[in-house]
């Protein structure tokens, strides 16, 4: 018998999401192998991990009941993280990798209540440099380092 319905529902949602996206990747993208990964390899691995996580959460729902109140919803953090994701998706091609990641990290960092501006700027700069090195130079994603928005400057 299920002891914790919230955990069971969350676990089943994770399993469903993992199966859905794993199935899309399996049927729509070439998988490749561990040594020559195709574009579908990583999504399938992540989907598999999501299914395993969901199964562990469902199993825990049968064993352990938790009576925890839901608590207050952190609306500020929820809104700023969603805004950061939306800004990145909408403007990465126009801004480029360095400014796009910098702005996205800065917006996401503001979700914390006790964050200092100096830490936001340092974290944003480090993340922008790291993502540029990894995704623009190592992986060679077709995203400009500095986008066309800054071409007139």
N, C-alpha and C. Protein backbone atom coordinates (compact mmCIF):
# COMPACT_ATOMS: atom_id res chain seq x y z
N UNK A 1 0.84 -1.18 0.00
CA UNK A 1 0.00 0.00 0.00
C UNK A 1 0.88 1.25 0.00
N UNK A 2 0.45 2.27 -0.72
CA UNK A 2 1.23 3.50 -0.84
C UNK A 2 1.11 4.29 0.46
N UNK A 3 2.26 4.62 1.04
CA UNK A 3 2.29 5.40 2.27
C UNK A 3 2.33 6.90 2.00
N UNK A 4 2.97 7.29 0.91
CA UNK A 4 3.12 8.72 0.62
C UNK A 4 2.69 8.97 -0.83
N UNK A 5 1.50 9.48 -0.99
CA UNK A 5 0.94 9.69 -2.33
C UNK A 5 1.69 10.77 -3.12
N UNK A 6 2.20 11.79 -2.44
CA UNK A 6 2.93 12.86 -3.14
C UNK A 6 4.21 12.31 -3.77
N UNK A 7 4.96 11.51 -3.02
CA UNK A 7 6.17 10.91 -3.57
C UNK A 7 5.83 9.96 -4.72
N UNK A 8 4.77 9.19 -4.57
CA UNK A 8 4.37 8.27 -5.63
C UNK A 8 4.01 9.03 -6.90
N UNK A 9 3.26 10.10 -6.75
CA UNK A 9 2.88 10.90 -7.92
C UNK A 9 4.10 11.54 -8.56
N UNK A 10 5.01 12.08 -7.76
CA UNK A 10 6.22 12.69 -8.30
C UNK A 10 7.07 11.66 -9.02
N UNK A 11 7.22 10.49 -8.43
CA UNK A 11 8.00 9.43 -9.06
C UNK A 11 7.40 8.96 -10.37
N UNK A 12 6.08 8.81 -10.39
CA UNK A 12 5.41 8.41 -11.64
C UNK A 12 5.54 9.49 -12.71
N UNK A 13 5.52 10.75 -12.31
CA UNK A 13 5.73 11.83 -13.27
C UNK A 13 7.13 11.77 -13.85
N UNK A 14 8.14 11.54 -13.02
CA UNK A 14 9.52 11.42 -13.51
C UNK A 14 9.65 10.25 -14.47
N UNK A 15 9.03 9.13 -14.12
CA UNK A 15 9.09 7.96 -15.00
C UNK A 15 8.43 8.28 -16.34
N UNK A 16 7.26 8.91 -16.31
CA UNK A 16 6.56 9.24 -17.55
C UNK A 16 7.36 10.21 -18.41
N UNK A 17 7.93 11.24 -17.78
CA UNK A 17 8.74 12.21 -18.53
C UNK A 17 9.98 11.55 -19.12
N UNK A 18 10.63 10.69 -18.35
CA UNK A 18 11.81 9.99 -18.85
C UNK A 18 11.48 9.07 -20.02
N UNK A 19 10.37 8.35 -19.91
CA UNK A 19 9.97 7.47 -21.00
C UNK A 19 9.56 8.25 -22.24
N UNK A 20 8.85 9.36 -22.05
CA UNK A 20 8.43 10.17 -23.18
C UNK A 20 9.63 10.73 -23.94
N UNK A 21 10.52 11.41 -23.24
CA UNK A 21 11.66 12.03 -23.91
C UNK A 21 12.68 11.00 -24.38
N UNK A 22 12.82 9.93 -23.64
CA UNK A 22 13.69 8.85 -24.10
C UNK A 22 13.15 8.22 -25.37
N UNK A 23 11.84 8.02 -25.44
CA UNK A 23 11.23 7.47 -26.65
C UNK A 23 11.38 8.40 -27.84
N UNK A 24 11.21 9.69 -27.60
CA UNK A 24 11.40 10.66 -28.70
C UNK A 24 12.83 10.59 -29.20
N UNK A 25 13.80 10.58 -28.29
CA UNK A 25 15.21 10.51 -28.70
C UNK A 25 15.50 9.19 -29.41
N UNK A 26 14.95 8.10 -28.90
CA UNK A 26 15.21 6.77 -29.48
C UNK A 26 14.71 6.67 -30.92
N UNK A 27 13.52 7.20 -31.16
CA UNK A 27 12.93 7.05 -32.50
C UNK A 27 13.28 8.19 -33.46
N UNK A 28 13.71 9.33 -32.96
CA UNK A 28 13.93 10.48 -33.83
C UNK A 28 15.40 10.82 -34.07
N UNK A 29 16.29 10.36 -33.20
CA UNK A 29 17.69 10.76 -33.30
C UNK A 29 18.60 9.54 -33.43
N UNK A 30 19.67 9.67 -34.19
CA UNK A 30 20.64 8.57 -34.22
C UNK A 30 21.36 8.46 -32.88
N UNK A 31 21.50 7.24 -32.37
CA UNK A 31 22.05 7.02 -31.04
C UNK A 31 23.57 6.98 -31.06
N UNK A 32 24.13 6.20 -31.96
CA UNK A 32 25.57 6.02 -31.99
C UNK A 32 26.00 5.00 -30.95
N UNK A 33 27.25 5.10 -30.53
CA UNK A 33 27.78 4.19 -29.51
C UNK A 33 28.49 5.01 -28.45
N UNK A 34 29.02 4.34 -27.44
CA UNK A 34 29.70 5.07 -26.36
C UNK A 34 30.94 5.78 -26.88
N UNK A 35 31.59 5.22 -27.89
CA UNK A 35 32.79 5.86 -28.43
C UNK A 35 32.48 6.87 -29.52
N UNK A 36 31.37 6.70 -30.21
CA UNK A 36 30.96 7.64 -31.26
C UNK A 36 29.50 8.02 -31.01
N UNK A 37 29.31 8.90 -30.06
CA UNK A 37 27.96 9.27 -29.63
C UNK A 37 27.25 10.10 -30.69
N UNK A 38 26.01 9.72 -30.94
CA UNK A 38 25.16 10.49 -31.82
C UNK A 38 24.38 11.51 -31.00
N UNK A 39 23.57 12.33 -31.65
CA UNK A 39 22.81 13.35 -30.93
C UNK A 39 21.75 12.79 -29.99
N UNK A 40 21.38 11.53 -30.15
CA UNK A 40 20.38 10.94 -29.27
C UNK A 40 20.96 10.23 -28.07
N UNK A 41 22.26 10.05 -28.02
CA UNK A 41 22.89 9.28 -26.95
C UNK A 41 22.69 9.93 -25.58
N UNK A 42 23.05 11.18 -25.48
CA UNK A 42 22.96 11.88 -24.19
C UNK A 42 21.51 12.00 -23.70
N UNK A 43 20.55 12.38 -24.56
CA UNK A 43 19.16 12.42 -24.07
C UNK A 43 18.65 11.06 -23.59
N UNK A 44 19.10 9.99 -24.21
CA UNK A 44 18.65 8.67 -23.76
C UNK A 44 19.27 8.32 -22.41
N UNK A 45 20.54 8.66 -22.22
CA UNK A 45 21.17 8.42 -20.93
C UNK A 45 20.46 9.22 -19.84
N UNK A 46 20.19 10.50 -20.10
CA UNK A 46 19.49 11.32 -19.10
C UNK A 46 18.08 10.81 -18.85
N UNK A 47 17.40 10.37 -19.89
CA UNK A 47 16.05 9.83 -19.72
C UNK A 47 16.08 8.57 -18.87
N UNK A 48 17.07 7.73 -19.12
CA UNK A 48 17.22 6.52 -18.31
C UNK A 48 17.47 6.84 -16.84
N UNK A 49 18.31 7.83 -16.58
CA UNK A 49 18.55 8.24 -15.20
C UNK A 49 17.29 8.82 -14.56
N UNK A 50 16.50 9.55 -15.35
CA UNK A 50 15.26 10.10 -14.83
C UNK A 50 14.26 8.99 -14.48
N UNK A 51 14.20 7.95 -15.31
CA UNK A 51 13.33 6.81 -15.02
C UNK A 51 13.79 6.10 -13.75
N UNK A 52 15.11 5.90 -13.60
CA UNK A 52 15.63 5.26 -12.39
C UNK A 52 15.35 6.09 -11.14
N UNK A 53 15.52 7.40 -11.24
CA UNK A 53 15.21 8.27 -10.13
C UNK A 53 13.72 8.18 -9.77
N UNK A 54 12.86 8.19 -10.77
CA UNK A 54 11.43 8.07 -10.54
C UNK A 54 11.07 6.75 -9.88
N UNK A 55 11.72 5.68 -10.33
CA UNK A 55 11.45 4.36 -9.73
C UNK A 55 11.89 4.34 -8.26
N UNK A 56 13.02 4.96 -7.95
CA UNK A 56 13.47 5.01 -6.55
C UNK A 56 12.51 5.83 -5.70
N UNK A 57 11.97 6.91 -6.24
CA UNK A 57 11.03 7.73 -5.49
C UNK A 57 9.72 6.98 -5.26
N UNK A 58 9.25 6.25 -6.28
CA UNK A 58 8.04 5.45 -6.12
C UNK A 58 8.26 4.35 -5.08
N UNK A 59 9.41 3.70 -5.13
CA UNK A 59 9.70 2.64 -4.16
C UNK A 59 9.73 3.20 -2.74
N UNK A 60 10.30 4.38 -2.60
CA UNK A 60 10.34 5.02 -1.29
C UNK A 60 8.94 5.38 -0.80
N UNK A 61 8.03 5.67 -1.71
CA UNK A 61 6.66 6.02 -1.33
C UNK A 61 5.94 4.82 -0.70
N UNK A 62 6.36 3.61 -1.06
CA UNK A 62 5.74 2.42 -0.48
C UNK A 62 6.30 2.11 0.90
N UNK A 63 7.51 2.54 1.17
CA UNK A 63 8.19 2.17 2.40
C UNK A 63 8.06 3.23 3.48
N UNK A 64 8.23 4.46 3.10
CA UNK A 64 8.39 5.52 4.09
C UNK A 64 7.37 6.62 3.87
N UNK A 65 6.57 6.87 4.88
CA UNK A 65 5.60 7.97 4.80
C UNK A 65 6.19 9.20 5.48
N UNK A 66 6.07 10.33 4.83
CA UNK A 66 6.54 11.58 5.42
C UNK A 66 5.37 12.53 5.57
N UNK A 67 5.23 13.02 6.75
CA UNK A 67 4.18 14.01 7.01
C UNK A 67 4.85 15.38 7.11
N UNK A 68 5.19 15.93 5.96
CA UNK A 68 5.82 17.25 5.93
C UNK A 68 4.86 18.23 5.29
N UNK A 69 4.72 19.39 5.89
CA UNK A 69 3.90 20.40 5.23
C UNK A 69 4.60 20.89 3.97
N UNK A 70 3.81 21.29 3.01
CA UNK A 70 4.37 21.73 1.73
C UNK A 70 5.20 22.98 1.89
N UNK A 71 4.77 23.91 2.72
CA UNK A 71 5.54 25.13 2.96
C UNK A 71 5.22 26.21 1.94
N UNK A 72 5.89 27.33 2.11
CA UNK A 72 5.67 28.47 1.24
C UNK A 72 6.37 28.25 -0.10
N UNK A 73 5.74 28.70 -1.14
CA UNK A 73 6.32 28.60 -2.48
C UNK A 73 7.27 29.78 -2.68
N UNK A 74 8.52 29.51 -3.07
CA UNK A 74 9.47 30.61 -3.29
C UNK A 74 9.22 31.26 -4.65
N UNK A 75 8.25 32.14 -4.71
CA UNK A 75 7.82 32.73 -5.97
C UNK A 75 8.92 33.52 -6.66
N UNK A 76 9.71 34.24 -5.87
CA UNK A 76 10.80 35.02 -6.45
C UNK A 76 11.79 34.12 -7.18
N UNK A 77 12.23 33.06 -6.53
CA UNK A 77 13.18 32.13 -7.15
C UNK A 77 12.56 31.44 -8.36
N UNK A 78 11.33 31.02 -8.23
CA UNK A 78 10.65 30.37 -9.35
C UNK A 78 10.54 31.29 -10.55
N UNK A 79 10.18 32.52 -10.32
CA UNK A 79 10.04 33.48 -11.40
C UNK A 79 11.37 33.83 -12.06
N UNK A 80 12.41 34.06 -11.24
CA UNK A 80 13.70 34.46 -11.80
C UNK A 80 14.40 33.32 -12.54
N UNK A 81 14.29 32.11 -12.04
CA UNK A 81 14.89 30.97 -12.74
C UNK A 81 14.16 30.75 -14.07
N UNK A 82 12.85 30.87 -14.07
CA UNK A 82 12.09 30.75 -15.32
C UNK A 82 12.44 31.87 -16.29
N UNK A 83 12.58 33.08 -15.77
CA UNK A 83 12.96 34.22 -16.61
C UNK A 83 14.36 34.01 -17.21
N UNK A 84 15.29 33.52 -16.41
CA UNK A 84 16.65 33.29 -16.90
C UNK A 84 16.65 32.27 -18.04
N UNK A 85 15.90 31.20 -17.89
CA UNK A 85 15.81 30.19 -18.94
C UNK A 85 15.19 30.76 -20.21
N UNK A 86 14.15 31.56 -20.04
CA UNK A 86 13.48 32.16 -21.20
C UNK A 86 14.38 33.16 -21.90
N UNK A 87 15.09 33.98 -21.15
CA UNK A 87 16.01 34.95 -21.75
C UNK A 87 17.11 34.23 -22.52
N UNK A 88 17.66 33.17 -21.95
CA UNK A 88 18.70 32.42 -22.64
C UNK A 88 18.18 31.85 -23.96
N UNK A 89 17.03 31.22 -23.91
CA UNK A 89 16.48 30.61 -25.12
C UNK A 89 16.13 31.65 -26.18
N UNK A 90 15.62 32.79 -25.76
CA UNK A 90 15.17 33.80 -26.71
C UNK A 90 16.30 34.62 -27.31
N UNK A 91 17.37 34.84 -26.56
CA UNK A 91 18.38 35.80 -27.00
C UNK A 91 19.77 35.25 -27.22
N UNK A 92 20.00 33.95 -27.08
CA UNK A 92 21.36 33.42 -27.21
C UNK A 92 21.93 33.64 -28.60
N UNK A 93 21.12 33.52 -29.63
CA UNK A 93 21.61 33.73 -31.00
C UNK A 93 21.98 35.19 -31.25
N UNK A 94 21.23 36.12 -30.66
CA UNK A 94 21.49 37.54 -30.87
C UNK A 94 22.62 38.06 -29.99
N UNK A 95 22.68 37.59 -28.75
CA UNK A 95 23.70 38.08 -27.82
C UNK A 95 25.03 37.36 -28.00
N UNK A 96 24.98 36.08 -28.28
CA UNK A 96 26.19 35.28 -28.34
C UNK A 96 26.41 34.55 -27.02
N UNK A 97 27.41 33.67 -27.02
CA UNK A 97 27.64 32.81 -25.86
C UNK A 97 28.05 33.60 -24.62
N UNK A 98 29.06 34.45 -24.73
CA UNK A 98 29.56 35.15 -23.53
C UNK A 98 28.50 36.06 -22.93
N UNK A 99 27.92 37.00 -23.68
CA UNK A 99 26.91 37.85 -23.05
C UNK A 99 25.64 37.09 -22.65
N UNK A 100 25.24 36.10 -23.45
CA UNK A 100 24.03 35.35 -23.14
C UNK A 100 24.14 34.57 -21.84
N UNK A 101 25.25 33.88 -21.66
CA UNK A 101 25.46 33.13 -20.42
C UNK A 101 25.65 34.08 -19.24
N UNK A 102 26.35 35.19 -19.47
CA UNK A 102 26.54 36.18 -18.40
C UNK A 102 25.19 36.70 -17.89
N UNK A 103 24.33 37.12 -18.81
CA UNK A 103 23.02 37.66 -18.42
C UNK A 103 22.16 36.59 -17.77
N UNK A 104 22.17 35.40 -18.33
CA UNK A 104 21.37 34.31 -17.78
C UNK A 104 21.80 33.97 -16.36
N UNK A 105 23.11 33.87 -16.14
CA UNK A 105 23.62 33.55 -14.80
C UNK A 105 23.32 34.68 -13.82
N UNK A 106 23.43 35.90 -14.28
CA UNK A 106 23.13 37.04 -13.40
C UNK A 106 21.66 37.03 -12.97
N UNK A 107 20.77 36.78 -13.90
CA UNK A 107 19.34 36.74 -13.56
C UNK A 107 19.06 35.59 -12.60
N UNK A 108 19.62 34.41 -12.89
CA UNK A 108 19.38 33.25 -12.03
C UNK A 108 19.97 33.46 -10.65
N UNK A 109 21.10 34.14 -10.55
CA UNK A 109 21.74 34.38 -9.26
C UNK A 109 20.89 35.27 -8.36
N UNK A 110 20.10 36.13 -8.96
CA UNK A 110 19.25 37.03 -8.17
C UNK A 110 18.10 36.30 -7.49
N UNK A 111 17.94 35.01 -7.77
CA UNK A 111 16.89 34.23 -7.12
C UNK A 111 17.17 34.06 -5.64
N UNK A 112 18.44 34.07 -5.26
CA UNK A 112 18.80 33.98 -3.85
C UNK A 112 18.53 35.29 -3.13
N UNK A 113 18.17 35.20 -1.88
CA UNK A 113 17.82 36.42 -1.13
C UNK A 113 19.06 37.14 -0.59
N UNK A 114 20.12 36.42 -0.29
CA UNK A 114 21.28 37.04 0.35
C UNK A 114 22.49 37.05 -0.58
N UNK A 115 22.27 37.37 -1.83
CA UNK A 115 23.35 37.37 -2.80
C UNK A 115 23.91 38.78 -2.93
N UNK A 116 25.23 38.86 -3.04
CA UNK A 116 25.90 40.15 -3.21
C UNK A 116 26.16 40.39 -4.69
N UNK A 117 26.13 41.65 -5.07
CA UNK A 117 26.34 42.01 -6.47
C UNK A 117 27.72 41.57 -6.94
N UNK A 118 28.73 41.69 -6.10
CA UNK A 118 30.08 41.28 -6.50
C UNK A 118 30.13 39.78 -6.81
N UNK A 119 29.44 38.97 -6.02
CA UNK A 119 29.40 37.52 -6.28
C UNK A 119 28.63 37.20 -7.56
N UNK A 120 27.57 37.95 -7.80
CA UNK A 120 26.80 37.76 -9.03
C UNK A 120 27.68 38.03 -10.24
N UNK A 121 28.43 39.12 -10.21
CA UNK A 121 29.28 39.48 -11.35
C UNK A 121 30.41 38.48 -11.55
N UNK A 122 31.04 38.04 -10.46
CA UNK A 122 32.13 37.07 -10.58
C UNK A 122 31.60 35.73 -11.08
N UNK A 123 30.50 35.25 -10.49
CA UNK A 123 29.93 33.97 -10.93
C UNK A 123 29.48 34.03 -12.38
N UNK A 124 28.89 35.13 -12.78
CA UNK A 124 28.43 35.28 -14.16
C UNK A 124 29.60 35.29 -15.14
N UNK A 125 30.66 35.99 -14.78
CA UNK A 125 31.84 36.05 -15.65
C UNK A 125 32.51 34.68 -15.76
N UNK A 126 32.67 33.99 -14.64
CA UNK A 126 33.29 32.67 -14.67
C UNK A 126 32.45 31.67 -15.47
N UNK A 127 31.15 31.71 -15.27
CA UNK A 127 30.27 30.80 -16.00
C UNK A 127 30.29 31.10 -17.49
N UNK A 128 30.33 32.38 -17.86
CA UNK A 128 30.38 32.75 -19.28
C UNK A 128 31.67 32.25 -19.93
N UNK A 129 32.79 32.41 -19.24
CA UNK A 129 34.07 31.93 -19.78
C UNK A 129 34.07 30.42 -19.88
N UNK A 130 33.62 29.74 -18.83
CA UNK A 130 33.59 28.28 -18.84
C UNK A 130 32.70 27.74 -19.96
N UNK A 131 31.49 28.26 -20.09
CA UNK A 131 30.57 27.79 -21.13
C UNK A 131 31.10 28.08 -22.53
N UNK A 132 31.76 29.21 -22.68
CA UNK A 132 32.34 29.55 -23.98
C UNK A 132 33.45 28.57 -24.34
N UNK A 133 34.32 28.27 -23.38
CA UNK A 133 35.39 27.31 -23.65
C UNK A 133 34.84 25.92 -23.98
N UNK A 134 33.86 25.49 -23.21
CA UNK A 134 33.33 24.14 -23.42
C UNK A 134 32.47 24.06 -24.67
N UNK A 135 31.47 24.93 -24.79
CA UNK A 135 30.49 24.76 -25.85
C UNK A 135 30.90 25.41 -27.18
N UNK A 136 31.59 26.53 -27.14
CA UNK A 136 31.97 27.18 -28.39
C UNK A 136 33.25 26.60 -28.98
N UNK A 137 34.21 26.27 -28.11
CA UNK A 137 35.51 25.82 -28.63
C UNK A 137 35.68 24.30 -28.57
N UNK A 138 35.31 23.66 -27.46
CA UNK A 138 35.49 22.21 -27.35
C UNK A 138 34.42 21.44 -28.14
N UNK A 139 33.15 21.75 -27.89
CA UNK A 139 32.06 21.05 -28.56
C UNK A 139 31.77 21.64 -29.94
N UNK A 140 32.12 22.90 -30.14
CA UNK A 140 31.92 23.62 -31.40
C UNK A 140 30.45 23.78 -31.77
N UNK A 141 29.65 24.20 -30.80
CA UNK A 141 28.25 24.51 -31.10
C UNK A 141 28.21 25.73 -32.01
N UNK A 142 27.27 25.76 -32.93
CA UNK A 142 27.21 26.90 -33.86
C UNK A 142 26.54 28.13 -33.25
N UNK A 143 27.01 28.53 -32.09
CA UNK A 143 26.51 29.74 -31.43
C UNK A 143 27.69 30.72 -31.42
N UNK A 144 27.49 31.94 -31.91
CA UNK A 144 28.61 32.88 -31.93
C UNK A 144 29.07 33.24 -30.52
N UNK A 145 30.36 33.48 -30.36
CA UNK A 145 30.89 33.88 -29.05
C UNK A 145 30.34 35.25 -28.67
N UNK A 146 30.37 36.19 -29.60
CA UNK A 146 29.73 37.49 -29.45
C UNK A 146 28.74 37.62 -30.59
N UNK A 147 27.50 37.85 -30.26
CA UNK A 147 26.44 37.81 -31.26
C UNK A 147 26.31 39.06 -32.11
N UNK A 148 25.42 39.02 -33.10
CA UNK A 148 25.23 40.14 -34.01
C UNK A 148 24.66 41.39 -33.34
N UNK A 149 24.07 41.26 -32.17
CA UNK A 149 23.57 42.42 -31.44
C UNK A 149 24.69 43.41 -31.15
N UNK A 150 25.90 42.91 -30.94
CA UNK A 150 27.05 43.75 -30.61
C UNK A 150 27.92 44.10 -31.81
N UNK A 151 27.51 43.74 -33.01
CA UNK A 151 28.34 43.98 -34.20
C UNK A 151 28.46 45.45 -34.53
N UNK A 152 27.51 46.27 -34.15
CA UNK A 152 27.55 47.69 -34.47
C UNK A 152 28.34 48.50 -33.45
N UNK A 153 28.84 47.86 -32.39
CA UNK A 153 29.52 48.60 -31.34
C UNK A 153 30.98 48.73 -31.61
